[in-house]
Amino acid sequence: MVGFVVPGLLLCGLVLWMVGVIRTFKQRRVLRYTDRFRAEELTGRVRQLKVRGYEEQAVQLVQVELGMPAKAARSWVKSL
C-alpha cells in the first residue's frame, strides 16, 4: 500500500510545482510593467473577458492598464 501512496504523493507534488512554474512564466511578461498583486488581479480580469468572448477588449485593457505594446499585449492575452 505504501508503495502506491508515496509515488502518488510525489507525482501530485510534481504536478503542482509544474503548474506554479507555468503560471509564473505566463505572468513574467506582465511583471515587467507592474507589481505581482496588480498582475494577478489583471490576469483574472483578462481571463473573465476571454471567457465571455471579449478577447479584443482584454488586449485593450492590458494596453491601457500597463502601457504594453499592442503585439506583446495580444500575445500575452492569447497565452492565458
Protein backbone atom coordinates (compact mmCIF):
# COMPACT_ATOMS: atom_id res chain seq x y z
CA MET A 1 0.00 0.00 0.00
CA VAL A 2 2.79 2.43 0.89
CA GLY A 3 4.38 1.60 -2.46
CA PHE A 4 1.43 3.27 -4.21
CA VAL A 5 0.81 6.18 -1.83
CA VAL A 6 4.35 7.62 -1.74
CA PRO A 7 4.85 7.75 -5.54
CA GLY A 8 1.33 9.14 -5.92
CA LEU A 9 2.05 11.95 -3.47
CA LEU A 10 5.35 12.68 -5.21
CA LEU A 11 3.58 12.80 -8.56
CA CYS A 12 0.92 15.18 -7.20
CA GLY A 13 3.62 17.41 -5.73
CA LEU A 14 5.46 17.46 -9.05
CA VAL A 15 2.30 18.37 -10.95
CA LEU A 16 1.50 21.21 -8.53
CA TRP A 17 5.06 22.53 -8.82
CA MET A 18 4.87 22.46 -12.63
CA VAL A 19 1.55 24.34 -12.60
CA GLY A 20 3.13 27.02 -10.41
CA VAL A 21 6.14 27.35 -12.70
CA ILE A 22 3.94 27.65 -15.80
CA ARG A 23 1.78 30.25 -14.08
CA THR A 24 4.87 32.27 -13.14
CA PHE A 25 6.23 32.19 -16.68
CA LYS A 26 2.91 33.41 -18.09
CA GLN A 27 2.84 36.34 -15.67
CA ARG A 28 6.52 37.19 -16.13
CA ARG A 29 5.81 39.42 -19.13
CA VAL A 30 3.32 41.43 -17.12
CA LEU A 31 5.57 41.66 -14.07
CA ARG A 32 7.95 43.88 -16.07
CA TYR A 33 5.22 46.52 -16.15
CA THR A 34 3.65 46.25 -12.68
CA ASP A 35 3.79 44.57 -9.28
CA ARG A 36 2.75 41.00 -8.54
CA PHE A 37 -0.63 41.73 -6.88
CA ARG A 38 -1.78 44.00 -9.66
CA ALA A 39 -0.61 41.45 -12.23
CA GLU A 40 -2.68 38.70 -10.58
CA GLU A 41 -5.74 40.96 -10.47
CA LEU A 42 -5.28 41.96 -14.10
CA THR A 43 -4.82 38.31 -15.11
CA GLY A 44 -8.18 37.48 -13.51
CA ARG A 45 -9.96 40.29 -15.32
CA VAL A 46 -8.39 39.30 -18.65
CA ARG A 47 -9.46 35.68 -18.17
CA GLN A 48 -13.03 36.78 -17.44
CA LEU A 49 -13.10 38.84 -20.63
CA LYS A 50 -11.72 35.94 -22.66
CA VAL A 51 -14.32 33.53 -21.27
CA ARG A 52 -17.08 35.95 -22.28
CA GLY A 53 -15.60 36.21 -25.79
CA TYR A 54 -14.19 39.73 -25.49
CA GLU A 55 -10.56 39.00 -26.37
CA GLU A 56 -10.02 42.32 -28.17
CA GLN A 57 -11.28 44.24 -25.12
CA ALA A 58 -8.86 42.21 -22.98
CA VAL A 59 -5.98 43.28 -25.24
CA GLN A 60 -7.08 46.91 -24.96
CA LEU A 61 -7.36 46.58 -21.18
CA VAL A 62 -3.77 45.32 -20.94
CA GLN A 63 -2.55 48.12 -23.19
CA VAL A 64 -4.35 50.82 -21.20
CA GLU A 65 -3.50 49.45 -17.74
CA LEU A 66 0.15 48.66 -18.38
CA GLY A 67 1.17 50.64 -21.43
CA MET A 68 2.28 47.38 -23.03
CA PRO A 69 2.82 47.41 -26.82
CA ALA A 70 -0.08 46.01 -28.85
CA LYS A 71 1.82 42.99 -30.17
CA ALA A 72 3.07 41.98 -26.72
CA ALA A 73 -0.36 42.54 -25.14
CA ARG A 74 -2.10 40.42 -27.79
CA SER A 75 0.45 37.64 -27.38
CA TRP A 76 0.09 37.66 -23.59
CA VAL A 77 -3.71 37.63 -23.72
CA LYS A 78 -3.68 34.67 -26.13
CA SER A 79 -1.30 32.76 -23.86
CA LEU A 80 -3.76 32.86 -20.95
